[in-house]
C-alpha atoms as a PDB file:
ATOM      1  CA  MET A   1       0.465  84.588  84.564  1.00  0.00           C
ATOM      2  CA  VAL A   2       0.943  85.759  80.994  1.00  0.00           C
ATOM      3  CA  ARG A   3       4.222  83.838  80.650  1.00  0.00           C
ATOM      4  CA  GLY A   4       2.538  80.620  81.770  1.00  0.00           C
ATOM      5  CA  ALA A   5      -0.285  81.139  79.285  1.00  0.00           C
ATOM      6  CA  ARG A   6       2.197  81.774  76.458  1.00  0.00           C
ATOM      7  CA  LYS A   7       4.095  78.616  77.327  1.00  0.00           C
ATOM      8  CA  ALA A   8       0.866  76.609  77.354  1.00  0.00           C
ATOM      9  CA  VAL A   9      -0.186  78.033  73.967  1.00  0.00           C
ATOM     10  CA  ALA A  10       3.274  77.370  72.514  1.00  0.00           C
ATOM     11  CA  LEU A  11       3.202  73.805  73.834  1.00  0.00           C
ATOM     12  CA  GLY A  12      -0.274  73.265  72.384  1.00  0.00           C
ATOM     13  CA  VAL A  13       0.828  74.571  68.983  1.00  0.00           C
ATOM     14  CA  ALA A  14       3.920  72.338  69.051  1.00  0.00           C
ATOM     15  CA  VAL A  15       1.812  69.262  69.849  1.00  0.00           C
ATOM     16  CA  ALA A  16      -0.678  70.112  67.085  1.00  0.00           C
ATOM     17  CA  VAL A  17       2.126  70.543  64.545  1.00  0.00           C
ATOM     18  CA  ALA A  18       3.768  67.289  65.607  1.00  0.00           C
ATOM     19  CA  CYS A  19       0.487  65.388  65.228  1.00  0.00           C
ATOM     20  CA  SER A  20      -0.142  66.969  61.837  1.00  0.00           C
ATOM     21  CA  VAL A  21       3.339  66.081  60.569  1.00  0.00           C
ATOM     22  CA  GLN A  22       3.022  62.526  61.831  1.00  0.00           C
ATOM     23  CA  GLN A  23      -0.262  62.040  59.970  1.00  0.00           C
ATOM     24  CA  HIS A  24       1.293  63.278  56.714  1.00  0.00           C
ATOM     25  CA  LEU A  25       4.291  60.968  57.026  1.00  0.00           C
ATOM     26  CA  ASN A  26       2.047  57.895  56.852  1.00  0.00           C
ATOM     27  CA  PHE A  27       0.845  58.334  53.280  1.00  0.00           C
ATOM     28  CA  VAL A  28       0.956  54.675  52.172  1.00  0.00           C
ATOM     29  CA  PRO A  29      -2.433  53.027  52.636  1.00  0.00           C
ATOM     30  CA  GLY A  30      -2.624  49.565  54.130  1.00  0.00           C
ATOM     31  CA  PRO A  31      -3.798  46.513  52.203  1.00  0.00           C
ATOM     32  CA  ARG A  32      -7.538  46.405  51.640  1.00  0.00           C
ATOM     33  CA  HIS A  33      -7.864  42.669  51.113  1.00  0.00           C
ATOM     34  CA  ALA A  34      -5.190  41.050  53.260  1.00  0.00           C
ATOM     35  CA  ALA A  35      -6.958  37.708  53.768  1.00  0.00           C
ATOM     36  CA  PRO A  36      -6.776  36.462  50.129  1.00  0.00           C
ATOM     37  CA  VAL A  37      -3.155  37.524  49.869  1.00  0.00           C
ATOM     38  CA  ALA A  38      -2.267  35.747  53.095  1.00  0.00           C
ATOM     39  CA  ALA A  39      -4.075  32.594  51.969  1.00  0.00           C
ATOM     40  CA  ALA A  40      -2.226  32.583  48.640  1.00  0.00           C
ATOM     41  CA  ALA A  41       1.121  33.127  50.339  1.00  0.00           C
ATOM     42  CA  ALA A  42       0.457  30.318  52.809  1.00  0.00           C
ATOM     43  CA  SER A  43      -0.497  27.899  50.036  1.00  0.00           C
ATOM     44  CA  MET A  44       2.658  28.729  48.056  1.00  0.00           C
ATOM     45  CA  MET A  45       4.858  28.037  51.085  1.00  0.00           C
ATOM     46  CA  MET A  46       3.823  24.391  51.075  1.00  0.00           C
ATOM     47  CA  ALA A  47       4.237  23.924  47.298  1.00  0.00           C
ATOM     48  CA  PRO A  48       7.385  22.149  46.088  1.00  0.00           C
ATOM     49  CA  ALA A  49       9.909  24.215  44.182  1.00  0.00           C
ATOM     50  CA  ALA A  50       9.563  23.785  40.438  1.00  0.00           C
ATOM     51  CA  PHE A  51      12.561  22.176  38.714  1.00  0.00           C
ATOM     52  CA  ALA A  52      14.680  22.497  41.869  1.00  0.00           C
ATOM     53  CA  ASP A  53      16.267  19.070  41.418  1.00  0.00           C
ATOM     54  CA  GLU A  54      17.278  19.632  37.785  1.00  0.00           C
ATOM     55  CA  ILE A  55      18.759  23.045  38.502  1.00  0.00           C
ATOM     56  CA  GLY A  56      20.603  21.751  41.544  1.00  0.00           C
ATOM     57  CA  ASP A  57      22.001  18.821  39.568  1.00  0.00           C
ATOM     58  CA  ALA A  58      23.172  21.135  36.773  1.00  0.00           C
ATOM     59  CA  ALA A  59      24.786  23.521  39.262  1.00  0.00           C
ATOM     60  CA  LYS A  60      26.641  20.662  40.952  1.00  0.00           C
ATOM     61  CA  LYS A  61      27.851  19.353  37.583  1.00  0.00           C
ATOM     62  CA  LEU A  62      29.084  22.818  36.548  1.00  0.00           C
ATOM     63  CA  GLY A  63      30.764  23.366  39.905  1.00  0.00           C
ATOM     64  CA  ASP A  64      32.555  20.035  39.770  1.00  0.00           C
ATOM     65  CA  ALA A  65      33.748  20.659  36.208  1.00  0.00           C
ATOM     66  CA  SER A  66      34.985  24.210  36.809  1.00  0.00           C
ATOM     67  CA  TYR A  67      36.597  23.768  40.239  1.00  0.00           C
ATOM     68  CA  SER A  68      39.897  22.372  38.955  1.00  0.00           C
ATOM     69  CA  PHE A  69      40.159  25.197  36.397  1.00  0.00           C
ATOM     70  CA  ALA A  70      39.424  27.856  39.017  1.00  0.00           C
ATOM     71  CA  LYS A  71      42.164  26.445  41.257  1.00  0.00           C
ATOM     72  CA  GLU A  72      44.747  26.640  38.426  1.00  0.00           C
ATOM     73  CA  VAL A  73      44.122  30.301  37.570  1.00  0.00           C
ATOM     74  CA  ASP A  74      46.517  32.865  39.074  1.00  0.00           C
ATOM     75  CA  TRP A  75      43.890  35.262  40.425  1.00  0.00           C
ATOM     76  CA  ASN A  76      46.592  37.719  41.609  1.00  0.00           C
ATOM     77  CA  ASN A  77      47.540  38.460  37.999  1.00  0.00           C
ATOM     78  CA  GLY A  78      46.576  41.995  36.920  1.00  0.00           C
ATOM     79  CA  ILE A  79      45.057  40.800  33.663  1.00  0.00           C
ATOM     80  CA  PHE A  80      41.918  39.790  35.525  1.00  0.00           C
ATOM     81  CA  LEU A  81      41.441  43.392  36.725  1.00  0.00           C
ATOM     82  CA  GLN A  82      40.991  44.630  33.138  1.00  0.00           C
ATOM     83  CA  ALA A  83      37.547  45.159  31.644  1.00  0.00           C
ATOM     84  CA  PRO A  84      36.446  42.633  29.025  1.00  0.00           C
ATOM     85  CA  GLY A  85      37.362  43.757  25.517  1.00  0.00           C
ATOM     86  CA  LYS A  86      40.017  46.187  26.773  1.00  0.00           C
ATOM     87  CA  PHE A  87      42.912  43.712  26.846  1.00  0.00           C
ATOM     88  CA  GLN A  88      46.337  45.297  27.216  1.00  0.00           C
ATOM     89  CA  PRO A  89      49.342  43.074  27.880  1.00  0.00           C
ATOM     90  CA  LEU A  90      51.090  43.739  31.165  1.00  0.00           C
END
């Protein structure tokens, strides 16, 4: 009978410790005012991106201009593995 009681006490202590540790692991409080934040996020989802067309046009222009140069470069050359400013001829 004593062994059974000891096992029950040990099990109870283990459960209490596990619950205590679990409560301490969750130390970050939740948001207090979630509704205004959700409303702001939802309204921003429907807004058009600012300057997206101009940036996209500039990126396309740069990509078109640099593509032929990037194809001509021998990227297997070891000079491109050197840090900038530390040029040493191979």
